[in-house]
Amino acid sequence: MTGNLAQIGSVLIATFLASVVEAVEAMTIILAVATVRGWRPAGFGALAGLALLAVIVVVLGPALEYVPLHLLQLAFGILLLLFGMRWLRKAILRAAGIIPLHDEATAFTAKTAELRAQSAQPMERADWLAALASGKAVLIEGLEVVFIVIAVGAGRGLLVPASASAVAACVVVAGAGAILYRPLARVPENTLKFAVGVLLSAFGMFWTGEGLGVPWPGADLAILVFAALFLAVALGAVVLARRAVPGIAR
């Protein structure tokens, strides 16, 4: 029972945090479009991106039922591990000061400037390009959310809670963006990415072992152990990276 609760809790946390990160990035572009061209092209592009995303999920989702469980676990475990390690690597480099922190305010300014440059074109074409930027952001970030939900929730009957957690995160970010009408720069995105990298890497390790038939001690509780290990290694890597690069404040 404890193992099941631990797994459900970790699934909800991982999908929520990951979805917040992706939703913030998409919302920043949508707000930039709305600022320059108005809510009409921004909203149209976002809805078009959501519609295309829904079609992809509806078409490809049922195909998962025909894939053997162990192959599904192994494939998504490896992909999730690679995905999580990529996030964790960048988070470590940012925390160590080797690469700059991701700044949504800067991203918002850059996207706004790009859209204003496009505004010199005929109005109809400028609106179309603005809607395309909004839709592309929703589709790309949405696909990442879908991948995380499937990878984390598949195989244990947790797709529904994982999906609900992801939807809740997107609704929260969309609501905040609509109310604030500004880039969500106060969201500690770099900290979230660090945490998400740890959690996704832990899930990836767990699912890869499950797919290979490894009997993890403690069953689902092993996810928490993996998360603790990845966190410890990542924090150690931050310290080592700071010491290895001259000129970085310690």
C-alpha atoms as a PDB file:
ATOM      1  CA  MET A   1       0.000   0.000   0.000  1.00  0.00           C
ATOM      2  CA  THR A   2       2.818   2.362   0.951  1.00  0.00           C
ATOM      3  CA  GLY A   3       4.597   1.545  -2.306  1.00  0.00           C
ATOM      4  CA  ASN A   4       1.488   2.317  -4.345  1.00  0.00           C
ATOM      5  CA  LEU A   5       0.968   5.636  -2.560  1.00  0.00           C
ATOM      6  CA  ALA A   6       4.624   6.530  -3.054  1.00  0.00           C
ATOM      7  CA  GLN A   7       4.415   5.773  -6.764  1.00  0.00           C
ATOM      8  CA  ILE A   8       1.159   7.673  -7.262  1.00  0.00           C
ATOM      9  CA  GLY A   9       2.543  10.653  -5.355  1.00  0.00           C
ATOM     10  CA  SER A  10       5.778  10.671  -7.322  1.00  0.00           C
ATOM     11  CA  VAL A  11       3.846  10.383 -10.613  1.00  0.00           C
ATOM     12  CA  LEU A  12       1.628  13.343  -9.703  1.00  0.00           C
ATOM     13  CA  ILE A  13       4.582  15.494  -8.630  1.00  0.00           C
ATOM     14  CA  ALA A  14       6.730  14.616 -11.665  1.00  0.00           C
ATOM     15  CA  THR A  15       3.998  15.256 -14.223  1.00  0.00           C
ATOM     16  CA  PHE A  16       2.805  18.436 -12.518  1.00  0.00           C
ATOM     17  CA  LEU A  17       6.262  20.028 -12.286  1.00  0.00           C
ATOM     18  CA  ALA A  18       7.280  18.969 -15.794  1.00  0.00           C
ATOM     19  CA  SER A  19       4.003  20.260 -17.213  1.00  0.00           C
ATOM     20  CA  VAL A  20       4.412  23.585 -15.403  1.00  0.00           C
ATOM     21  CA  VAL A  21       7.819  24.055 -17.042  1.00  0.00           C
ATOM     22  CA  GLU A  22       6.519  23.253 -20.535  1.00  0.00           C
ATOM     23  CA  ALA A  23       3.352  25.302 -20.058  1.00  0.00           C
ATOM     24  CA  VAL A  24       5.316  28.353 -18.879  1.00  0.00           C
ATOM     25  CA  GLU A  25       7.492  28.214 -21.994  1.00  0.00           C
ATOM     26  CA  ALA A  26       4.449  27.917 -24.263  1.00  0.00           C
ATOM     27  CA  MET A  27       2.541  30.628 -22.374  1.00  0.00           C
ATOM     28  CA  THR A  28       5.471  33.050 -22.697  1.00  0.00           C
ATOM     29  CA  ILE A  29       5.264  32.835 -26.490  1.00  0.00           C
ATOM     30  CA  ILE A  30       1.459  33.102 -26.486  1.00  0.00           C
ATOM     31  CA  LEU A  31       1.647  36.245 -24.328  1.00  0.00           C
ATOM     32  CA  ALA A  32       4.293  37.712 -26.619  1.00  0.00           C
ATOM     33  CA  VAL A  33       1.993  37.124 -29.600  1.00  0.00           C
ATOM     34  CA  ALA A  34      -0.960  38.652 -27.728  1.00  0.00           C
ATOM     35  CA  THR A  35       1.113  41.690 -26.759  1.00  0.00           C
ATOM     36  CA  VAL A  36       2.170  42.444 -30.332  1.00  0.00           C
ATOM     37  CA  ARG A  37      -0.733  41.216 -32.476  1.00  0.00           C
ATOM     38  CA  GLY A  38      -3.616  40.865 -30.006  1.00  0.00           C
ATOM     39  CA  TRP A  39      -5.416  37.917 -28.448  1.00  0.00           C
ATOM     40  CA  ARG A  40      -7.183  36.849 -31.641  1.00  0.00           C
ATOM     41  CA  PRO A  41      -4.153  35.412 -33.515  1.00  0.00           C
ATOM     42  CA  ALA A  42      -2.633  34.268 -30.227  1.00  0.00           C
ATOM     43  CA  GLY A  43      -5.784  32.417 -29.208  1.00  0.00           C
ATOM     44  CA  PHE A  44      -6.429  31.019 -32.689  1.00  0.00           C
ATOM     45  CA  GLY A  45      -2.894  29.656 -32.920  1.00  0.00           C
ATOM     46  CA  ALA A  46      -3.056  28.150 -29.426  1.00  0.00           C
ATOM     47  CA  LEU A  47      -6.397  26.456 -30.136  1.00  0.00           C
ATOM     48  CA  ALA A  48      -5.106  25.123 -33.468  1.00  0.00           C
ATOM     49  CA  GLY A  49      -2.043  23.694 -31.698  1.00  0.00           C
ATOM     50  CA  LEU A  50      -4.247  22.064 -29.058  1.00  0.00           C
ATOM     51  CA  ALA A  51      -6.519  20.587 -31.736  1.00  0.00           C
ATOM     52  CA  LEU A  52      -3.591  19.068 -33.633  1.00  0.00           C
ATOM     53  CA  LEU A  53      -2.154  17.744 -30.369  1.00  0.00           C
ATOM     54  CA  ALA A  54      -5.504  16.127 -29.529  1.00  0.00           C
ATOM     55  CA  VAL A  55      -5.640  14.444 -32.946  1.00  0.00           C
ATOM     56  CA  ILE A  56      -2.155  13.012 -32.450  1.00  0.00           C
ATOM     57  CA  VAL A  57      -3.072  11.654 -29.006  1.00  0.00           C
ATOM     58  CA  VAL A  58      -6.359  10.136 -30.219  1.00  0.00           C
ATOM     59  CA  VAL A  59      -4.722   8.488 -33.246  1.00  0.00           C
ATOM     60  CA  LEU A  60      -1.579   7.149 -31.573  1.00  0.00           C
ATOM     61  CA  GLY A  61      -2.861   6.546 -28.031  1.00  0.00           C
ATOM     62  CA  PRO A  62      -4.832   3.325 -28.679  1.00  0.00           C
ATOM     63  CA  ALA A  63      -1.790   1.765 -30.380  1.00  0.00           C
ATOM     64  CA  LEU A  64      -0.101   1.486 -26.965  1.00  0.00           C
ATOM     65  CA  GLU A  65      -2.535  -1.284 -26.000  1.00  0.00           C
ATOM     66  CA  TYR A  66      -0.999  -3.608 -28.614  1.00  0.00           C
ATOM     67  CA  VAL A  67       2.585  -3.197 -27.393  1.00  0.00           C
ATOM     68  CA  PRO A  68       3.808  -5.808 -24.849  1.00  0.00           C
ATOM     69  CA  LEU A  69       4.121  -4.279 -21.395  1.00  0.00           C
ATOM     70  CA  HIS A  70       7.799  -5.084 -20.885  1.00  0.00           C
ATOM     71  CA  LEU A  71       8.724  -3.550 -24.241  1.00  0.00           C
ATOM     72  CA  LEU A  72       6.685  -0.464 -23.415  1.00  0.00           C
ATOM     73  CA  GLN A  73       8.409  -0.136 -20.056  1.00  0.00           C
ATOM     74  CA  LEU A  74      11.860  -0.623 -21.566  1.00  0.00           C
ATOM     75  CA  ALA A  75      11.339   1.798 -24.463  1.00  0.00           C
ATOM     76  CA  PHE A  76       9.820   4.557 -22.363  1.00  0.00           C
ATOM     77  CA  GLY A  77      12.279   3.882 -19.546  1.00  0.00           C
ATOM     78  CA  ILE A  78      15.263   4.481 -21.811  1.00  0.00           C
ATOM     79  CA  LEU A  79      13.685   7.524 -23.449  1.00  0.00           C
ATOM     80  CA  LEU A  80      12.630   8.951 -20.098  1.00  0.00           C
ATOM     81  CA  LEU A  81      16.108   8.396 -18.663  1.00  0.00           C
ATOM     82  CA  LEU A  82      17.703  10.179 -21.624  1.00  0.00           C
ATOM     83  CA  PHE A  83      15.114  12.948 -21.446  1.00  0.00           C
ATOM     84  CA  GLY A  84      15.601  13.422 -17.697  1.00  0.00           C
ATOM     85  CA  MET A  85      19.399  13.338 -17.928  1.00  0.00           C
ATOM     86  CA  ARG A  86      19.308  16.039 -20.620  1.00  0.00           C
ATOM     87  CA  TRP A  87      17.256  18.296 -18.343  1.00  0.00           C
ATOM     88  CA  LEU A  88      19.444  17.444 -15.359  1.00  0.00           C
ATOM     89  CA  ARG A  89      22.673  18.144 -17.249  1.00  0.00           C
ATOM     90  CA  LYS A  90      21.510  21.621 -18.239  1.00  0.00           C
ATOM     91  CA  ALA A  91      20.195  22.266 -14.728  1.00  0.00           C
ATOM     92  CA  ILE A  92      23.585  21.306 -13.245  1.00  0.00           C
ATOM     93  CA  LEU A  93      25.433  23.595 -15.659  1.00  0.00           C
ATOM     94  CA  ARG A  94      23.060  26.463 -14.860  1.00  0.00           C
ATOM     95  CA  ALA A  95      23.324  25.905 -11.112  1.00  0.00           C
ATOM     96  CA  ALA A  96      27.117  25.830 -11.423  1.00  0.00           C
ATOM     97  CA  GLY A  97      27.125  29.103 -13.348  1.00  0.00           C
ATOM     98  CA  ILE A  98      28.669  27.600 -16.486  1.00  0.00           C
ATOM     99  CA  ILE A  99      25.692  28.479 -18.690  1.00  0.00           C
ATOM    100  CA  PRO A 100      23.244  31.332 -18.005  1.00  0.00           C
ATOM    101  CA  LEU A 101      19.999  30.717 -16.158  1.00  0.00           C
ATOM    102  CA  HIS A 102      16.907  30.438 -18.325  1.00  0.00           C
ATOM    103  CA  ASP A 103      15.019  33.729 -18.119  1.00  0.00           C
ATOM    104  CA  GLU A 104      11.400  33.847 -19.286  1.00  0.00           C
ATOM    105  CA  ALA A 105      11.431  37.657 -19.187  1.00  0.00           C
ATOM    106  CA  THR A 106      14.332  37.689 -21.653  1.00  0.00           C
ATOM    107  CA  ALA A 107      12.610  35.082 -23.821  1.00  0.00           C
ATOM    108  CA  PHE A 108       9.435  37.190 -23.776  1.00  0.00           C
ATOM    109  CA  THR A 109      11.359  40.319 -24.837  1.00  0.00           C
ATOM    110  CA  ALA A 110      13.187  38.486 -27.620  1.00  0.00           C
ATOM    111  CA  LYS A 111       9.992  36.931 -28.992  1.00  0.00           C
ATOM    112  CA  THR A 112       8.183  40.255 -28.819  1.00  0.00           C
ATOM    113  CA  ALA A 113      10.963  41.959 -30.783  1.00  0.00           C
ATOM    114  CA  GLU A 114      10.841  39.197 -33.400  1.00  0.00           C
ATOM    115  CA  LEU A 115       7.080  39.568 -33.777  1.00  0.00           C
ATOM    116  CA  ARG A 116       7.310  43.345 -34.007  1.00  0.00           C
ATOM    117  CA  ALA A 117       9.793  42.937 -36.855  1.00  0.00           C
ATOM    118  CA  GLN A 118       7.284  40.700 -38.623  1.00  0.00           C
ATOM    119  CA  SER A 119       4.601  43.377 -38.147  1.00  0.00           C
ATOM    120  CA  ALA A 120       6.233  45.381 -40.921  1.00  0.00           C
ATOM    121  CA  GLN A 121       4.743  42.849 -43.329  1.00  0.00           C
ATOM    122  CA  PRO A 122       1.105  43.045 -44.544  1.00  0.00           C
ATOM    123  CA  MET A 123      -1.331  42.730 -41.624  1.00  0.00           C
ATOM    124  CA  GLU A 124      -2.884  39.461 -42.795  1.00  0.00           C
ATOM    125  CA  ARG A 125       0.514  37.787 -43.190  1.00  0.00           C
ATOM    126  CA  ALA A 126       1.742  39.176 -39.846  1.00  0.00           C
ATOM    127  CA  ASP A 127      -1.324  37.771 -38.064  1.00  0.00           C
ATOM    128  CA  TRP A 128      -0.795  34.406 -39.756  1.00  0.00           C
ATOM    129  CA  LEU A 129       2.855  34.280 -38.670  1.00  0.00           C
ATOM    130  CA  ALA A 130       1.865  35.282 -35.131  1.00  0.00           C
ATOM    131  CA  ALA A 131      -0.773  32.544 -34.965  1.00  0.00           C
ATOM    132  CA  LEU A 132       1.757  30.054 -36.327  1.00  0.00           C
ATOM    133  CA  ALA A 133       4.237  30.971 -33.578  1.00  0.00           C
ATOM    134  CA  SER A 134       1.553  30.519 -30.926  1.00  0.00           C
ATOM    135  CA  GLY A 135       0.353  27.196 -32.333  1.00  0.00           C
ATOM    136  CA  LYS A 136       3.869  25.830 -32.752  1.00  0.00           C
ATOM    137  CA  ALA A 137       4.682  26.631 -29.128  1.00  0.00           C
ATOM    138  CA  VAL A 138       1.576  24.817 -27.875  1.00  0.00           C
ATOM    139  CA  LEU A 139       2.185  21.808 -30.115  1.00  0.00           C
ATOM    140  CA  ILE A 140       5.885  21.353 -29.311  1.00  0.00           C
ATOM    141  CA  GLU A 141       5.585  21.894 -25.564  1.00  0.00           C
ATOM    142  CA  GLY A 142       2.352  19.880 -25.510  1.00  0.00           C
ATOM    143  CA  LEU A 143       4.027  16.921 -27.188  1.00  0.00           C
ATOM    144  CA  GLU A 144       6.677  16.941 -24.475  1.00  0.00           C
ATOM    145  CA  VAL A 145       3.952  16.929 -21.816  1.00  0.00           C
ATOM    146  CA  VAL A 146       2.179  14.027 -23.539  1.00  0.00           C
ATOM    147  CA  PHE A 147       5.427  12.083 -23.762  1.00  0.00           C
ATOM    148  CA  ILE A 148       6.131  12.602 -20.051  1.00  0.00           C
ATOM    149  CA  VAL A 149       2.584  11.610 -19.070  1.00  0.00           C
ATOM    150  CA  ILE A 150       2.714   8.402 -21.121  1.00  0.00           C
ATOM    151  CA  ALA A 151       6.245   7.520 -20.063  1.00  0.00           C
ATOM    152  CA  VAL A 152       5.550   8.065 -16.369  1.00  0.00           C
ATOM    153  CA  GLY A 153       2.006   6.708 -16.214  1.00  0.00           C
ATOM    154  CA  ALA A 154       2.028   3.815 -18.698  1.00  0.00           C
ATOM    155  CA  GLY A 155       2.315   0.258 -17.481  1.00  0.00           C
ATOM    156  CA  ARG A 156       0.869   0.716 -14.008  1.00  0.00           C
ATOM    157  CA  GLY A 157      -2.587   2.067 -14.759  1.00  0.00           C
ATOM    158  CA  LEU A 158      -1.560   5.605 -13.782  1.00  0.00           C
ATOM    159  CA  LEU A 159      -2.257   7.381 -17.060  1.00  0.00           C
ATOM    160  CA  VAL A 160      -5.420   8.968 -15.646  1.00  0.00           C
ATOM    161  CA  PRO A 161      -3.821  10.555 -12.554  1.00  0.00           C
ATOM    162  CA  ALA A 162      -0.750  11.544 -14.585  1.00  0.00           C
ATOM    163  CA  SER A 163      -2.965  13.154 -17.231  1.00  0.00           C
ATOM    164  CA  ALA A 164      -5.059  14.916 -14.585  1.00  0.00           C
ATOM    165  CA  SER A 165      -1.929  16.305 -12.938  1.00  0.00           C
ATOM    166  CA  ALA A 166      -0.595  17.564 -16.275  1.00  0.00           C
ATOM    167  CA  VAL A 167      -3.921  19.182 -17.183  1.00  0.00           C
ATOM    168  CA  ALA A 168      -4.077  20.835 -13.754  1.00  0.00           C
ATOM    169  CA  ALA A 169      -0.592  22.280 -14.227  1.00  0.00           C
ATOM    170  CA  CYS A 170      -1.461  23.652 -17.676  1.00  0.00           C
ATOM    171  CA  VAL A 171      -4.702  25.174 -16.368  1.00  0.00           C
ATOM    172  CA  VAL A 172      -2.870  26.863 -13.487  1.00  0.00           C
ATOM    173  CA  VAL A 173      -0.244  28.348 -15.808  1.00  0.00           C
ATOM    174  CA  ALA A 174      -2.818  29.406 -18.415  1.00  0.00           C
ATOM    175  CA  GLY A 175      -4.940  31.051 -15.726  1.00  0.00           C
ATOM    176  CA  ALA A 176      -1.968  32.880 -14.251  1.00  0.00           C
ATOM    177  CA  GLY A 177      -0.857  34.031 -17.688  1.00  0.00           C
ATOM    178  CA  ALA A 178      -4.310  35.285 -18.630  1.00  0.00           C
ATOM    179  CA  ILE A 179      -4.655  37.196 -15.357  1.00  0.00           C
ATOM    180  CA  LEU A 180      -1.144  38.638 -15.222  1.00  0.00           C
ATOM    181  CA  TYR A 181      -0.780  39.198 -18.974  1.00  0.00           C
ATOM    182  CA  ARG A 182       3.003  39.088 -18.627  1.00  0.00           C
ATOM    183  CA  PRO A 183       5.765  36.489 -18.827  1.00  0.00           C
ATOM    184  CA  LEU A 184       5.677  34.173 -15.830  1.00  0.00           C
ATOM    185  CA  ALA A 185       9.184  35.193 -14.827  1.00  0.00           C
ATOM    186  CA  ARG A 186       8.575  34.660 -11.111  1.00  0.00           C
ATOM    187  CA  VAL A 187       8.125  30.928 -11.575  1.00  0.00           C
ATOM    188  CA  PRO A 188      11.439  29.385 -10.412  1.00  0.00           C
ATOM    189  CA  GLU A 189      11.828  27.530 -13.693  1.00  0.00           C
ATOM    190  CA  ASN A 190      15.487  26.626 -13.249  1.00  0.00           C
ATOM    191  CA  THR A 191      14.741  25.053  -9.864  1.00  0.00           C
ATOM    192  CA  LEU A 192      11.769  23.219 -11.370  1.00  0.00           C
ATOM    193  CA  LYS A 193      13.918  21.877 -14.197  1.00  0.00           C
ATOM    194  CA  PHE A 194      16.468  20.605 -11.688  1.00  0.00           C
ATOM    195  CA  ALA A 195      13.733  18.795  -9.733  1.00  0.00           C
ATOM    196  CA  VAL A 196      12.062  17.462 -12.870  1.00  0.00           C
ATOM    197  CA  GLY A 197      15.398  16.220 -14.225  1.00  0.00           C
ATOM    198  CA  VAL A 198      15.926  14.267 -10.997  1.00  0.00           C
ATOM    199  CA  LEU A 199      12.419  12.784 -11.012  1.00  0.00           C
ATOM    200  CA  LEU A 200      12.362  11.858 -14.701  1.00  0.00           C
ATOM    201  CA  SER A 201      15.794  10.251 -14.436  1.00  0.00           C
ATOM    202  CA  ALA A 202      14.598   8.241 -11.434  1.00  0.00           C
ATOM    203  CA  PHE A 203      11.496   7.060 -13.300  1.00  0.00           C
ATOM    204  CA  GLY A 204      13.606   6.253 -16.347  1.00  0.00           C
ATOM    205  CA  MET A 205      15.957   4.079 -14.295  1.00  0.00           C
ATOM    206  CA  PHE A 206      13.029   2.328 -12.635  1.00  0.00           C
ATOM    207  CA  TRP A 207      11.107   1.627 -15.872  1.00  0.00           C
ATOM    208  CA  THR A 208      14.239   0.477 -17.711  1.00  0.00           C
ATOM    209  CA  GLY A 209      14.885  -2.072 -14.978  1.00  0.00           C
ATOM    210  CA  GLU A 210      11.239  -3.140 -14.995  1.00  0.00           C
ATOM    211  CA  GLY A 211      11.383  -3.671 -18.746  1.00  0.00           C
ATOM    212  CA  LEU A 212      14.510  -5.828 -18.327  1.00  0.00           C
ATOM    213  CA  GLY A 213      12.868  -7.849 -15.557  1.00  0.00           C
ATOM    214  CA  VAL A 214      14.979  -6.474 -12.690  1.00  0.00           C
ATOM    215  CA  PRO A 215      13.313  -7.152  -9.301  1.00  0.00           C
ATOM    216  CA  TRP A 216      13.871  -3.809  -7.581  1.00  0.00           C
ATOM    217  CA  PRO A 217      14.120  -4.076  -3.769  1.00  0.00           C
ATOM    218  CA  GLY A 218      11.130  -2.346  -2.227  1.00  0.00           C
ATOM    219  CA  ALA A 219       9.251  -2.424  -5.542  1.00  0.00           C
ATOM    220  CA  ASP A 220       7.811   1.036  -6.257  1.00  0.00           C
ATOM    221  CA  LEU A 221       9.661   2.596  -3.316  1.00  0.00           C
ATOM    222  CA  ALA A 222      12.832   2.176  -5.368  1.00  0.00           C
ATOM    223  CA  ILE A 223      11.765   5.277  -7.317  1.00  0.00           C
ATOM    224  CA  LEU A 224      12.285   7.418  -4.215  1.00  0.00           C
ATOM    225  CA  VAL A 225      15.714   5.863  -3.653  1.00  0.00           C
ATOM    226  CA  PHE A 226      16.719   6.570  -7.255  1.00  0.00           C
ATOM    227  CA  ALA A 227      15.486  10.155  -6.929  1.00  0.00           C
ATOM    228  CA  ALA A 228      17.581  10.654  -3.794  1.00  0.00           C
ATOM    229  CA  LEU A 229      20.647   9.183  -5.510  1.00  0.00           C
ATOM    230  CA  PHE A 230      20.243  11.328  -8.636  1.00  0.00           C
ATOM    231  CA  LEU A 231      19.749  14.417  -6.455  1.00  0.00           C
ATOM    232  CA  ALA A 232      22.885  13.673  -4.435  1.00  0.00           C
ATOM    233  CA  VAL A 233      24.969  13.057  -7.558  1.00  0.00           C
ATOM    234  CA  ALA A 234      23.601  16.186  -9.257  1.00  0.00           C
ATOM    235  CA  LEU A 235      24.349  18.411  -6.255  1.00  0.00           C
ATOM    236  CA  GLY A 236      27.835  16.919  -6.066  1.00  0.00           C
ATOM    237  CA  ALA A 237      28.301  17.607  -9.776  1.00  0.00           C
ATOM    238  CA  VAL A 238      27.345  21.255  -9.223  1.00  0.00           C
ATOM    239  CA  VAL A 239      30.019  21.609  -6.539  1.00  0.00           C
ATOM    240  CA  LEU A 240      32.671  19.907  -8.681  1.00  0.00           C
ATOM    241  CA  ALA A 241      31.769  22.004 -11.732  1.00  0.00           C
ATOM    242  CA  ARG A 242      32.098  25.223  -9.743  1.00  0.00           C
ATOM    243  CA  ARG A 243      35.542  24.174  -8.510  1.00  0.00           C
ATOM    244  CA  ALA A 244      36.687  23.083 -11.963  1.00  0.00           C
ATOM    245  CA  VAL A 245      35.855  26.346 -13.749  1.00  0.00           C
ATOM    246  CA  PRO A 246      37.915  29.398 -12.700  1.00  0.00           C
ATOM    247  CA  GLY A 247      36.084  32.625 -11.960  1.00  0.00           C
ATOM    248  CA  ILE A 248      32.803  31.069 -10.825  1.00  0.00           C
ATOM    249  CA  ALA A 249      31.589  32.302  -7.446  1.00  0.00           C
ATOM    250  CA  ARG A 250      31.584  29.616  -4.749  1.00  0.00           C
END
